[in-house]
Amino acid sequence: KYTKITTIIYACLYYLKWEHNLFTSPLKKNWEKNMDTSIDLHLMRQIVFDDEKLLEEMIGVWIADTESRVIQMDLHFREKNQLIFKNLHDLKTNLSMISCHDLVQKCQLMIDTSVSTEKLMDEKAWSELRYEIDQLIEKMKMKIV
């Protein structure tokens, strides 16, 4: 069953995948700086036509989805499962929705390093990335208070 917010998220993902090159032309407007990680809700605001209620709902869905992906990553990491790379790629998409380019690049670096060394990522690298994503989730929760 598709809801209005699901349709909006799919539209956002479509935009990110096909219309926006995340590495060469990041959105530069409306940066919100918190600690070390930048969050830019400009894309989400565009998608919901600046409707604050819908933006809060979209942020809530983003938080739930990102938390779910992190839990899946933990599970796949413990099991040394190759699905860890799919989950990392999915996390990149979530992070791209809020223009969090530094963490997108860290995810890509982890993928590239694992491919070049033919090993799953090391525990320290995942632990550091997970900590940063957890901090980011907390920042996003503050956006809907």
C-alpha atoms as a PDB file:
ATOM      1  CA  LYS A   1       0.000   0.000   0.000  1.00  0.00           C
ATOM      2  CA  TYR A   2       1.480   3.300  -1.077  1.00  0.00           C
ATOM      3  CA  THR A   3       0.947   6.385   1.008  1.00  0.00           C
ATOM      4  CA  LYS A   4       1.552   9.976   0.055  1.00  0.00           C
ATOM      5  CA  ILE A   5       4.873  10.005   1.905  1.00  0.00           C
ATOM      6  CA  THR A   6       6.008   6.751   0.220  1.00  0.00           C
ATOM      7  CA  THR A   7       5.326   8.281  -3.172  1.00  0.00           C
ATOM      8  CA  ILE A   8       7.294  11.370  -2.204  1.00  0.00           C
ATOM      9  CA  ILE A   9      10.241   9.280  -1.006  1.00  0.00           C
ATOM     10  CA  TYR A  10      10.253   7.299  -4.245  1.00  0.00           C
ATOM     11  CA  ALA A  11      10.206  10.562  -6.182  1.00  0.00           C
ATOM     12  CA  CYS A  12      13.160  11.764  -4.104  1.00  0.00           C
ATOM     13  CA  LEU A  13      15.096   8.559  -4.712  1.00  0.00           C
ATOM     14  CA  TYR A  14      14.364   8.767  -8.430  1.00  0.00           C
ATOM     15  CA  TYR A  15      15.642  12.342  -8.481  1.00  0.00           C
ATOM     16  CA  LEU A  16      18.802  11.366  -6.626  1.00  0.00           C
ATOM     17  CA  LYS A  17      19.509   8.365  -8.812  1.00  0.00           C
ATOM     18  CA  TRP A  18      18.842   9.849 -12.231  1.00  0.00           C
ATOM     19  CA  GLU A  19      18.963  13.637 -12.052  1.00  0.00           C
ATOM     20  CA  HIS A  20      21.572  14.595  -9.498  1.00  0.00           C
ATOM     21  CA  ASN A  21      25.253  13.733  -9.548  1.00  0.00           C
ATOM     22  CA  LEU A  22      26.039  13.511  -5.854  1.00  0.00           C
ATOM     23  CA  PHE A  23      29.787  13.800  -6.127  1.00  0.00           C
ATOM     24  CA  THR A  24      30.261  16.593  -8.638  1.00  0.00           C
ATOM     25  CA  SER A  25      27.349  18.941  -7.951  1.00  0.00           C
ATOM     26  CA  PRO A  26      26.184  18.784  -4.338  1.00  0.00           C
ATOM     27  CA  LEU A  27      23.393  21.120  -3.326  1.00  0.00           C
ATOM     28  CA  LYS A  28      25.017  24.117  -1.683  1.00  0.00           C
ATOM     29  CA  LYS A  29      21.963  26.005  -0.388  1.00  0.00           C
ATOM     30  CA  ASN A  30      20.511  25.972   3.111  1.00  0.00           C
ATOM     31  CA  TRP A  31      23.302  24.032   4.805  1.00  0.00           C
ATOM     32  CA  GLU A  32      22.572  23.280   8.422  1.00  0.00           C
ATOM     33  CA  LYS A  33      25.830  22.670  10.268  1.00  0.00           C
ATOM     34  CA  ASN A  34      25.729  20.494  13.391  1.00  0.00           C
ATOM     35  CA  MET A  35      28.976  19.328  14.956  1.00  0.00           C
ATOM     36  CA  ASP A  36      31.068  17.747  12.177  1.00  0.00           C
ATOM     37  CA  THR A  37      28.353  16.484   9.841  1.00  0.00           C
ATOM     38  CA  SER A  38      26.449  18.735   7.482  1.00  0.00           C
ATOM     39  CA  ILE A  39      22.761  18.207   6.866  1.00  0.00           C
ATOM     40  CA  ASP A  40      20.929  19.928   4.038  1.00  0.00           C
ATOM     41  CA  LEU A  41      17.160  19.492   3.934  1.00  0.00           C
ATOM     42  CA  HIS A  42      16.840  21.540   0.743  1.00  0.00           C
ATOM     43  CA  LEU A  43      15.999  18.527  -1.429  1.00  0.00           C
ATOM     44  CA  MET A  44      13.394  17.226   1.013  1.00  0.00           C
ATOM     45  CA  ARG A  45      11.898  20.713   1.283  1.00  0.00           C
ATOM     46  CA  GLN A  46      11.642  20.924  -2.513  1.00  0.00           C
ATOM     47  CA  ILE A  47       9.939  17.562  -2.747  1.00  0.00           C
ATOM     48  CA  VAL A  48       7.287  18.488  -0.162  1.00  0.00           C
ATOM     49  CA  PHE A  49       6.893  22.033  -1.539  1.00  0.00           C
ATOM     50  CA  ASP A  50       8.008  23.504   1.813  1.00  0.00           C
ATOM     51  CA  ASP A  51       5.089  21.864   3.647  1.00  0.00           C
ATOM     52  CA  GLU A  52       6.485  21.646   7.205  1.00  0.00           C
ATOM     53  CA  LYS A  53       4.068  18.922   8.353  1.00  0.00           C
ATOM     54  CA  LEU A  54       4.904  16.734   5.385  1.00  0.00           C
ATOM     55  CA  LEU A  55       8.614  17.481   5.860  1.00  0.00           C
ATOM     56  CA  GLU A  56       8.422  16.260   9.472  1.00  0.00           C
ATOM     57  CA  GLU A  57       6.673  13.082   8.288  1.00  0.00           C
ATOM     58  CA  MET A  58       9.315  12.544   5.617  1.00  0.00           C
ATOM     59  CA  ILE A  59      12.109  13.032   8.161  1.00  0.00           C
ATOM     60  CA  GLY A  60      10.392  10.491  10.441  1.00  0.00           C
ATOM     61  CA  VAL A  61      10.286   7.943   7.631  1.00  0.00           C
ATOM     62  CA  TRP A  62      13.939   8.702   6.795  1.00  0.00           C
ATOM     63  CA  ILE A  63      14.929   8.095  10.431  1.00  0.00           C
ATOM     64  CA  ALA A  64      13.041   4.792  10.663  1.00  0.00           C
ATOM     65  CA  ASP A  65      14.448   3.566   7.352  1.00  0.00           C
ATOM     66  CA  THR A  66      18.015   4.571   8.215  1.00  0.00           C
ATOM     67  CA  GLU A  67      17.815   2.929  11.646  1.00  0.00           C
ATOM     68  CA  SER A  68      16.535  -0.247   9.980  1.00  0.00           C
ATOM     69  CA  ARG A  69      19.402  -0.238   7.489  1.00  0.00           C
ATOM     70  CA  VAL A  70      21.961   0.217  10.276  1.00  0.00           C
ATOM     71  CA  ILE A  71      20.504  -2.773  12.140  1.00  0.00           C
ATOM     72  CA  GLN A  72      20.688  -4.827   8.921  1.00  0.00           C
ATOM     73  CA  MET A  73      24.318  -3.736   8.486  1.00  0.00           C
ATOM     74  CA  ASP A  74      25.133  -4.878  12.029  1.00  0.00           C
ATOM     75  CA  LEU A  75      23.575  -8.267  11.333  1.00  0.00           C
ATOM     76  CA  HIS A  76      25.304  -8.717   7.966  1.00  0.00           C
ATOM     77  CA  PHE A  77      28.600  -7.576   9.425  1.00  0.00           C
ATOM     78  CA  ARG A  78      28.427 -10.128  12.261  1.00  0.00           C
ATOM     79  CA  GLU A  79      27.494 -12.874   9.776  1.00  0.00           C
ATOM     80  CA  LYS A  80      30.195 -11.755   7.305  1.00  0.00           C
ATOM     81  CA  ASN A  81      27.446 -11.619   4.687  1.00  0.00           C
ATOM     82  CA  GLN A  82      28.065 -10.062   1.257  1.00  0.00           C
ATOM     83  CA  LEU A  83      24.728  -8.206   1.580  1.00  0.00           C
ATOM     84  CA  ILE A  84      26.708  -5.707   3.606  1.00  0.00           C
ATOM     85  CA  PHE A  85      27.627  -3.993   0.310  1.00  0.00           C
ATOM     86  CA  LYS A  86      23.997  -3.675  -0.788  1.00  0.00           C
ATOM     87  CA  ASN A  87      23.158  -2.194   2.599  1.00  0.00           C
ATOM     88  CA  LEU A  88      26.061   0.239   2.367  1.00  0.00           C
ATOM     89  CA  HIS A  89      24.815   1.330  -1.041  1.00  0.00           C
ATOM     90  CA  ASP A  90      21.291   1.774   0.376  1.00  0.00           C
ATOM     91  CA  LEU A  91      22.709   3.847   3.234  1.00  0.00           C
ATOM     92  CA  LYS A  92      24.443   6.055   0.663  1.00  0.00           C
ATOM     93  CA  THR A  93      21.032   6.757  -0.874  1.00  0.00           C
ATOM     94  CA  ASN A  94      19.548   7.695   2.499  1.00  0.00           C
ATOM     95  CA  LEU A  95      22.485   9.962   3.278  1.00  0.00           C
ATOM     96  CA  SER A  96      22.222  11.556  -0.153  1.00  0.00           C
ATOM     97  CA  MET A  97      18.618  12.543   0.550  1.00  0.00           C
ATOM     98  CA  ILE A  98      19.910  14.960   3.185  1.00  0.00           C
ATOM     99  CA  SER A  99      23.020  15.921   1.214  1.00  0.00           C
ATOM    100  CA  CYS A 100      25.328  14.383   3.784  1.00  0.00           C
ATOM    101  CA  HIS A 101      28.141  14.050   1.277  1.00  0.00           C
ATOM    102  CA  ASP A 102      30.935  13.367   3.757  1.00  0.00           C
ATOM    103  CA  LEU A 103      29.241  10.160   4.964  1.00  0.00           C
ATOM    104  CA  VAL A 104      28.239   9.201   1.412  1.00  0.00           C
ATOM    105  CA  GLN A 105      31.903   9.381   0.471  1.00  0.00           C
ATOM    106  CA  LYS A 106      32.915   7.352   3.546  1.00  0.00           C
ATOM    107  CA  CYS A 107      30.444   4.618   2.545  1.00  0.00           C
ATOM    108  CA  GLN A 108      31.844   4.618  -0.991  1.00  0.00           C
ATOM    109  CA  LEU A 109      35.402   4.468   0.326  1.00  0.00           C
ATOM    110  CA  MET A 110      34.490   1.443   2.443  1.00  0.00           C
ATOM    111  CA  ILE A 111      32.994  -0.275  -0.600  1.00  0.00           C
ATOM    112  CA  ASP A 112      35.997   0.571  -2.792  1.00  0.00           C
ATOM    113  CA  THR A 113      38.480  -0.566  -0.142  1.00  0.00           C
ATOM    114  CA  SER A 114      36.660  -3.862   0.342  1.00  0.00           C
ATOM    115  CA  VAL A 115      36.554  -4.482  -3.405  1.00  0.00           C
ATOM    116  CA  SER A 116      40.234  -3.659  -3.903  1.00  0.00           C
ATOM    117  CA  THR A 117      41.379  -5.811  -0.967  1.00  0.00           C
ATOM    118  CA  GLU A 118      38.788  -8.545  -1.673  1.00  0.00           C
ATOM    119  CA  LYS A 119      37.826  -8.534   2.018  1.00  0.00           C
ATOM    120  CA  LEU A 120      34.774  -7.448   3.944  1.00  0.00           C
ATOM    121  CA  MET A 121      35.260  -4.156   5.723  1.00  0.00           C
ATOM    122  CA  ASP A 122      37.014  -4.208   9.034  1.00  0.00           C
ATOM    123  CA  GLU A 123      35.174  -3.847  12.311  1.00  0.00           C
ATOM    124  CA  LYS A 124      36.821  -0.539  13.240  1.00  0.00           C
ATOM    125  CA  ALA A 125      35.749   1.142   9.987  1.00  0.00           C
ATOM    126  CA  TRP A 126      32.133   0.001  10.405  1.00  0.00           C
ATOM    127  CA  SER A 127      32.127   0.993  14.080  1.00  0.00           C
ATOM    128  CA  GLU A 128      33.301   4.530  13.238  1.00  0.00           C
ATOM    129  CA  LEU A 129      30.784   4.933  10.400  1.00  0.00           C
ATOM    130  CA  ARG A 130      27.976   3.540  12.543  1.00  0.00           C
ATOM    131  CA  TYR A 131      28.788   6.044  15.297  1.00  0.00           C
ATOM    132  CA  GLU A 132      28.620   8.928  12.812  1.00  0.00           C
ATOM    133  CA  ILE A 133      25.330   7.673  11.369  1.00  0.00           C
ATOM    134  CA  ASP A 134      23.880   7.296  14.875  1.00  0.00           C
ATOM    135  CA  GLN A 135      24.880  10.909  15.608  1.00  0.00           C
ATOM    136  CA  LEU A 136      23.267  11.998  12.350  1.00  0.00           C
ATOM    137  CA  ILE A 137      20.030  10.172  13.231  1.00  0.00           C
ATOM    138  CA  GLU A 138      19.947  12.035  16.546  1.00  0.00           C
ATOM    139  CA  LYS A 139      20.382  15.349  14.710  1.00  0.00           C
ATOM    140  CA  MET A 140      17.530  14.448  12.378  1.00  0.00           C
ATOM    141  CA  LYS A 141      15.302  13.594  15.351  1.00  0.00           C
ATOM    142  CA  MET A 142      15.871  17.127  16.622  1.00  0.00           C
ATOM    143  CA  LYS A 143      14.442  18.433  13.328  1.00  0.00           C
ATOM    144  CA  ILE A 144      10.997  16.991  14.116  1.00  0.00           C
ATOM    145  CA  VAL A 145      10.676  17.990  17.762  1.00  0.00           C
END
